[in-house]
Every structure is written in structure tokens, then in C-alpha cells.
Amino acid sequence: MQVRVLGSAAGGGFPQWNCGCGNCRAVRAGDVNFRARTQDSVAVSADGHAWVLLNASPEIRAQIESFAPLHPRTARDTPIAALVLTNGDLDHTLGLFSLRESHPITVASTAAVRSGILEANVMVRTLQRFDGQLTWNALALGAPYAIAGMQIELFAVAGKRPVHLELVGDASPEDNVGVLATDGVGKRIAYVPGVASLDAASRAKIDGCDVVLFDGTFWSADELTKPGLMNKRAEDMAHWPIGGVDGSLAALAMLRGGRKIYTHINNTNPILREDSPERRAVEASGVEVAYDGLTIDV
């Protein structure tokens, strides 16, 4: 199995267009300790030919162009077999509308995410220009979905509905999920870009995986409130902070299996600075920090 990190930043990217925090100023100035990042998305493949995209970033066009295996091979073609969505967040769904050029696409998500996007968004009509342009498979939690030589399984993780869907329908365990992808020889990757906490069931899903790509949005709960950037703590936004005795870093370090990698990293997070104490703490625990273009052979 092959994994390509197409984008590794949280919503807004890095630098964020309206942010003048120290990290954003530094990356704009070309500080060698920082790398710019686009919004979070991952591509996985069992054979290097057919690919499944996990989430559809607003920068999806540039992300496709940055990775030759995703380029068309004939006059009208795509190696992208399907897109799988973990929730209805805009940074995970807006890229769908960049795939509107009259070509069939397949999307998979839970029924809750599907209904929130299809029934509440008139813009979806641009993906319905002809019969068969958009095929959307509603997946039940825990039910395997066979695509491109892999089995895809969605599992519930603690989270919250995006703001634009809070008044659309009722909250559901299907609103926010992690993804397990398993190839024909049993290699497994887990992708969990947004999570408020791990219960025993969700922890068991990712334990022992060959690769775990995990929510690294914030280092601390007060990362936005302390400098006055926002009045919401990490927990208010359903993200589990990395640091501290109860942080996700301590939990990830205890998982069995292979590589553990933080992705979906907010522009304010100190782990973006490659020589920071927080970055060193992450790496000392055996956990990596994703960057755009990271390629993993599983």
C-alpha cells in the first residue's frame, strides 16, 4: 500500500490568509524552520495505479498536480477511483466542487455526511450535470467498502458537526469518523484527522495499524485563547490537544504498530517549527509530523 500526504494543515492552511501569528509571519518570511502547508488530504493506493482520496481539500487541484500518479493518463481520465469524506467540514469537502468538469466521480461517506451536503447545498448541482456524473455511496459504520483493491471501513470518533450543518438534522455518531484502509495482504492504515477523544472502541480500531495519521490540530487547549486569536479552546472545537499528561501524544505513544503521524495541523501549533521544544517532544515519543508531499510505502 502507498500513502501520499497531499495536504497536512488544518482549515485555513499554513500560512492562513488572515493570520499574523508568529508562525504565519515566519513562514511568509521564508524561515527555514517552517514549511508551508495546504489543507489536509491524503491519497492511498493498493497498487500505485488506482487511488482513493481521503477528504477533498479546497486546494485539491494543486494537490493533484503536485503528485504525478494522480495525473490523467489519456485525454479524459483520472486515476482517482473514489473520494472518502470523514465529515462535512468545509476544509474536507470544498474540493469536490473543483472536480466539476463533466467527469464521473465517486464519493463515499456516512449517510449523515451525505445528506448534510447533498440536501443542504445547492452547489452540489454543479456535480449533477449529467446522469452518472456523481455517484455517492452512503457507508454504514463498520461496514467494509471495496474499492481499488482495498477495503475501506468508517468508524465513529468523538467530534462535532460543522457550524454550517448544526441546524440541519440531528447530531449523529456518523457526523465525524475515522477511516481504516486495508489492502489485499492485510496492511492497514488509519486516518483520523479530527477527534475530540478516543474511547475504547475507536482506540482498538487504530491500535496495531501499520500507519496512523492522527489529528494534530492544536498543541494546547488555550492555543487560540491565550494570544487572543479566538475565544474557543481546542476542546470547544472538538480537537484533542497534543501536549500534557492527558494529551493525544501520550495516547499515541502507547499504540502498537508502525508509524504514527500528526496531520491536520493548525497554523498556530508550535510543532510546525522544526526546532521547537514541542516538535522535539513529539519526535522523542516516536511520533512524526506530516508535511505536504510525505510519501509512505507500507
Protein backbone atom coordinates (compact mmCIF):
# COMPACT_ATOMS: atom_id res chain seq x y z
CA MET A 1 0.00 0.00 0.00
CA GLN A 2 1.15 3.53 -0.76
CA VAL A 3 0.19 6.69 1.12
CA ARG A 4 0.72 10.25 -0.04
CA VAL A 5 0.05 13.23 2.21
CA LEU A 6 -1.39 15.78 -0.20
CA GLY A 7 -2.06 18.39 2.47
CA SER A 8 -1.25 18.45 6.18
CA ALA A 9 -2.66 21.71 7.56
CA ALA A 10 -5.92 22.32 9.39
CA GLY A 11 -8.65 24.54 7.95
CA GLY A 12 -7.19 27.75 6.54
CA GLY A 13 -3.85 26.21 5.60
CA PHE A 14 -0.41 27.43 6.61
CA PRO A 15 0.03 30.33 6.46
CA GLN A 16 -3.61 31.23 6.98
CA TRP A 17 -4.71 34.12 4.78
CA ASN A 18 -5.87 36.38 7.64
CA CYS A 19 -3.42 35.34 10.36
CA GLY A 20 -0.39 37.29 11.51
CA CYS A 21 0.67 34.93 14.31
CA GLY A 22 4.37 34.26 14.77
CA ASN A 23 4.24 31.02 12.79
CA CYS A 24 2.46 32.59 9.81
CA ARG A 25 4.80 35.59 9.76
CA ALA A 26 7.81 33.28 9.88
CA VAL A 27 6.75 31.01 7.03
CA ARG A 28 5.88 34.04 4.88
CA ALA A 29 9.35 35.42 5.58
CA GLY A 30 10.96 32.18 4.41
CA ASP A 31 12.20 30.99 7.81
CA VAL A 32 13.99 27.68 7.17
CA ASN A 33 12.43 26.14 10.28
CA PHE A 34 8.95 26.20 8.70
CA ARG A 35 7.24 24.62 5.70
CA ALA A 36 4.07 25.99 4.11
CA ARG A 37 1.19 23.52 4.05
CA THR A 38 -2.11 23.12 2.22
CA GLN A 39 -5.28 21.85 3.87
CA ASP A 40 -5.47 18.24 4.96
CA SER A 41 -5.99 15.42 2.45
CA VAL A 42 -4.41 12.01 1.92
CA ALA A 43 -4.23 9.67 -1.09
CA VAL A 44 -3.94 5.89 -0.65
CA SER A 45 -3.42 3.11 -3.19
CA ALA A 46 -3.06 -0.65 -3.10
CA ASP A 47 -1.23 -0.85 -6.43
CA GLY A 48 0.08 2.64 -7.27
CA HIS A 49 -2.37 2.96 -10.16
CA ALA A 50 -5.84 3.44 -8.69
CA TRP A 51 -6.08 5.92 -5.82
CA VAL A 52 -8.60 6.82 -3.13
CA LEU A 53 -8.54 10.36 -1.75
CA LEU A 54 -9.38 10.79 1.91
CA ASN A 55 -11.11 14.17 2.10
CA ALA A 56 -11.36 16.78 -0.63
CA SER A 57 -9.30 19.82 0.30
CA PRO A 58 -10.05 23.27 -1.17
CA GLU A 59 -6.56 23.01 -2.75
CA ILE A 60 -7.34 19.69 -4.41
CA ARG A 61 -6.39 20.86 -7.92
CA ALA A 62 -2.91 21.94 -6.86
CA GLN A 63 -2.53 18.81 -4.74
CA ILE A 64 -3.37 16.60 -7.72
CA GLU A 65 -0.90 18.48 -9.90
CA SER A 66 1.81 18.05 -7.25
CA PHE A 67 1.67 14.24 -7.48
CA ALA A 68 2.21 12.63 -10.89
CA PRO A 69 0.37 9.33 -10.12
CA LEU A 70 -2.85 11.37 -9.86
CA HIS A 71 -2.46 12.91 -13.33
CA PRO A 72 -4.73 11.80 -16.22
CA ARG A 73 -3.24 9.10 -18.43
CA THR A 74 -5.40 9.77 -21.51
CA ALA A 75 -7.28 12.75 -22.94
CA ARG A 76 -10.06 12.46 -20.33
CA ASP A 77 -9.10 10.30 -17.37
CA THR A 78 -8.33 10.21 -13.67
CA PRO A 79 -6.57 7.60 -11.51
CA ILE A 80 -8.81 8.71 -8.61
CA ALA A 81 -11.22 5.82 -8.05
CA ALA A 82 -13.15 7.48 -5.21
CA LEU A 83 -13.10 10.15 -2.54
CA VAL A 84 -13.95 9.31 1.09
CA LEU A 85 -15.10 12.06 3.45
CA THR A 86 -14.61 11.97 7.21
CA ASN A 87 -17.11 14.75 7.98
CA GLY A 88 -18.83 17.76 6.44
CA ASP A 89 -16.17 20.36 7.33
CA LEU A 90 -15.52 22.81 4.51
CA ASP A 91 -11.79 22.06 4.50
CA HIS A 92 -12.72 18.41 3.82
CA THR A 93 -15.44 18.93 1.20
CA LEU A 94 -14.93 22.12 -0.82
CA GLY A 95 -12.53 20.35 -3.16
CA LEU A 96 -15.44 18.35 -4.56
CA PHE A 97 -16.58 21.43 -6.47
CA SER A 98 -13.20 21.66 -8.21
CA LEU A 99 -13.97 18.25 -9.78
CA ARG A 100 -17.00 19.53 -11.70
CA GLU A 101 -15.60 19.36 -15.24
CA SER A 102 -18.14 16.84 -16.58
CA HIS A 103 -16.29 13.74 -15.42
CA PRO A 104 -17.80 10.91 -13.35
CA ILE A 105 -16.67 10.90 -9.72
CA THR A 106 -17.44 8.54 -6.86
CA VAL A 107 -17.76 9.80 -3.28
CA ALA A 108 -18.25 7.73 -0.13
CA SER A 109 -19.23 8.90 3.34
CA THR A 110 -21.69 8.12 6.08
CA ALA A 111 -25.34 8.77 5.34
CA ALA A 112 -25.31 11.71 7.78
CA VAL A 113 -22.49 13.48 5.95
CA ARG A 114 -24.04 12.68 2.57
CA SER A 115 -27.45 14.09 3.49
CA GLY A 116 -25.97 17.21 5.07
CA ILE A 117 -24.04 18.05 1.92
CA LEU A 118 -26.46 16.88 -0.77
CA GLU A 119 -29.69 18.10 0.80
CA ALA A 120 -28.41 21.38 2.26
CA ASN A 121 -26.18 22.64 -0.54
CA VAL A 122 -27.47 23.88 -3.86
CA MET A 123 -23.90 23.97 -5.21
CA VAL A 124 -23.97 20.17 -5.49
CA ARG A 125 -25.97 20.67 -8.69
CA THR A 126 -22.73 21.54 -10.47
CA LEU A 127 -21.73 17.88 -9.93
CA GLN A 128 -25.02 16.64 -11.41
CA ARG A 129 -24.80 17.96 -14.95
CA PHE A 130 -25.48 14.53 -16.46
CA ASP A 131 -26.75 11.17 -15.26
CA GLY A 132 -23.97 9.32 -13.51
CA GLN A 133 -21.66 12.30 -13.01
CA LEU A 134 -21.83 11.95 -9.21
CA THR A 135 -22.12 8.57 -7.52
CA TRP A 136 -22.37 8.92 -3.76
CA ASN A 137 -22.18 5.77 -1.65
CA ALA A 138 -23.57 6.07 1.88
CA LEU A 139 -21.49 3.76 4.10
CA ALA A 140 -22.67 2.27 7.37
CA LEU A 141 -20.23 2.44 10.27
CA GLY A 142 -18.14 -0.73 10.43
CA ALA A 143 -19.30 -2.00 7.01
CA PRO A 144 -16.45 -2.72 4.56
CA TYR A 145 -16.46 -0.85 1.26
CA ALA A 146 -14.44 -2.47 -1.52
CA ILE A 147 -12.73 -0.02 -3.86
CA ALA A 148 -9.47 -0.01 -5.84
CA GLY A 149 -8.17 -3.26 -4.31
CA MET A 150 -8.78 -2.07 -0.74
CA GLN A 151 -11.38 -2.44 1.97
CA ILE A 152 -12.44 0.92 3.41
CA GLU A 153 -14.16 1.00 6.81
CA LEU A 154 -15.54 4.03 8.63
CA PHE A 155 -15.70 4.15 12.42
CA ALA A 156 -17.18 6.76 14.73
CA VAL A 157 -14.90 9.08 16.68
CA ALA A 158 -15.81 11.86 19.10
CA GLY A 159 -16.31 15.17 17.34
CA LYS A 160 -18.90 17.77 16.45
CA ARG A 161 -20.95 18.88 13.47
CA PRO A 162 -19.52 21.74 11.41
CA VAL A 163 -21.12 25.12 12.09
CA HIS A 164 -22.90 25.22 8.72
CA LEU A 165 -24.63 21.88 9.44
CA GLU A 166 -25.56 22.42 13.09
CA LEU A 167 -29.14 23.33 12.19
CA VAL A 168 -29.52 20.61 9.54
CA GLY A 169 -30.94 17.42 11.04
CA ASP A 170 -29.94 15.85 14.32
CA ALA A 171 -26.46 15.07 15.62
CA SER A 172 -25.33 11.51 14.90
CA PRO A 173 -22.35 9.22 15.57
CA GLU A 174 -21.96 9.32 11.77
CA ASP A 175 -21.11 13.03 11.76
CA ASN A 176 -17.38 12.52 12.39
CA VAL A 177 -15.47 9.36 11.52
CA GLY A 178 -12.07 7.82 11.13
CA VAL A 179 -11.07 5.71 8.13
CA LEU A 180 -9.41 2.29 8.04
CA ALA A 181 -7.95 1.19 4.71
CA THR A 182 -6.78 -2.42 4.33
CA ASP A 183 -5.10 -3.90 1.27
CA GLY A 184 -5.13 -7.47 -0.01
CA VAL A 185 -2.21 -8.61 2.14
CA GLY A 186 -3.55 -7.17 5.38
CA LYS A 187 -1.62 -3.89 5.58
CA ARG A 188 -3.71 -1.29 7.41
CA ILE A 189 -3.66 2.47 7.63
CA ALA A 190 -5.86 4.62 9.86
CA TYR A 191 -6.75 8.23 9.11
CA VAL A 192 -8.31 10.27 11.92
CA PRO A 193 -7.92 13.99 11.11
CA GLY A 194 -10.46 15.29 13.62
CA VAL A 195 -11.09 13.79 17.06
CA ALA A 196 -12.03 15.14 20.48
CA SER A 197 -11.02 11.95 22.34
CA LEU A 198 -10.59 8.22 21.83
CA ASP A 199 -12.89 5.78 23.56
CA ALA A 200 -12.00 2.10 23.90
CA ALA A 201 -13.73 1.16 20.64
CA SER A 202 -12.05 3.78 18.48
CA ARG A 203 -8.68 3.16 20.16
CA ALA A 204 -8.99 -0.55 19.30
CA LYS A 205 -9.63 0.33 15.65
CA ILE A 206 -6.30 2.12 15.22
CA ASP A 207 -4.16 0.02 17.57
CA GLY A 208 -1.75 -2.16 15.60
CA CYS A 209 -2.13 -0.32 12.29
CA ASP A 210 0.91 -0.02 10.05
CA VAL A 211 0.35 3.74 9.74
CA VAL A 212 -1.84 6.05 11.85
CA LEU A 213 -2.43 9.59 10.56
CA PHE A 214 -3.93 11.45 13.50
CA ASP A 215 -5.41 14.82 14.48
CA GLY A 216 -2.56 17.18 15.38
CA THR A 217 -4.57 20.41 15.19
CA PHE A 218 -3.52 22.02 18.47
CA TRP A 219 -0.65 21.59 20.90
CA SER A 220 -2.55 23.06 23.86
CA ALA A 221 -6.15 23.78 24.84
CA ASP A 222 -5.54 27.54 25.08
CA GLU A 223 -3.55 27.88 21.87
CA LEU A 224 -6.08 30.29 20.36
CA THR A 225 -7.49 31.90 23.51
CA LYS A 226 -4.19 32.79 25.19
CA PRO A 227 -2.92 35.09 22.42
CA GLY A 228 -6.41 36.47 21.84
CA LEU A 229 -6.88 34.96 18.38
CA MET A 230 -10.23 33.34 19.21
CA ASN A 231 -12.47 32.75 22.20
CA LYS A 232 -12.71 28.98 21.72
CA ARG A 233 -10.50 26.37 23.33
CA ALA A 234 -9.34 23.28 21.44
CA GLU A 235 -11.99 21.15 23.15
CA ASP A 236 -14.73 23.58 22.08
CA MET A 237 -13.73 22.80 18.51
CA ALA A 238 -13.65 19.03 19.14
CA HIS A 239 -9.88 18.68 18.81
CA TRP A 240 -7.76 16.76 21.31
CA PRO A 241 -4.65 18.78 22.25
CA ILE A 242 -1.31 17.05 21.73
CA GLY A 243 0.54 18.14 24.88
CA GLY A 244 0.07 17.43 28.58
CA VAL A 245 -0.38 14.27 30.61
CA ASP A 246 -3.84 13.75 29.10
CA GLY A 247 -2.85 14.80 25.59
CA SER A 248 -3.00 12.73 22.44
CA LEU A 249 0.78 12.35 22.30
CA ALA A 250 0.78 10.22 25.43
CA ALA A 251 -2.03 8.10 23.98
CA LEU A 252 -0.39 7.64 20.57
CA ALA A 253 2.92 6.62 22.14
CA MET A 254 1.14 3.65 23.72
CA LEU A 255 -0.33 2.32 20.48
CA ARG A 256 1.11 -0.84 18.99
CA GLY A 257 2.01 -0.99 15.32
CA GLY A 258 4.02 1.08 12.91
CA ARG A 259 4.33 4.78 12.12
CA LYS A 260 2.24 7.38 13.94
CA ILE A 261 2.00 10.76 12.24
CA TYR A 262 0.27 14.02 13.15
CA THR A 263 -1.63 15.75 10.38
CA HIS A 264 -4.36 18.45 10.16
CA ILE A 265 -2.01 20.86 12.00
CA ASN A 266 -3.28 24.35 12.81
CA ASN A 267 -1.20 27.37 11.76
CA THR A 268 -0.70 28.31 15.45
CA ASN A 269 0.71 24.95 16.53
CA PRO A 270 4.33 25.17 17.77
CA ILE A 271 5.16 21.74 16.29
CA LEU A 272 5.23 23.47 12.90
CA ARG A 273 8.55 25.00 13.96
CA GLU A 274 11.02 22.21 13.28
CA ASP A 275 13.43 23.23 16.06
CA SER A 276 10.82 23.91 18.75
CA PRO A 277 10.73 22.09 22.12
CA GLU A 278 7.23 20.85 21.26
CA ARG A 279 8.44 19.37 17.97
CA ARG A 280 11.31 17.66 19.75
CA ALA A 281 8.89 16.23 22.33
CA VAL A 282 6.72 14.75 19.58
CA GLU A 283 9.66 13.17 17.79
CA ALA A 284 11.17 11.87 21.04
CA SER A 285 7.92 9.96 21.60
CA GLY A 286 8.31 8.23 18.24
CA VAL A 287 5.60 10.28 16.51
CA GLU A 288 6.16 12.16 13.25
CA VAL A 289 4.78 15.44 11.90
CA ALA A 290 3.29 15.25 8.42
CA TYR A 291 4.17 17.64 5.63
CA ASP A 292 2.80 18.09 2.14
CA GLY A 293 4.43 15.54 -0.14
CA LEU A 294 5.25 12.95 2.50
CA THR A 295 5.12 9.56 0.77
CA ILE A 296 4.92 6.28 2.69
CA ASP A 297 5.33 2.74 1.37
CA VAL A 298 3.51 0.44 3.75
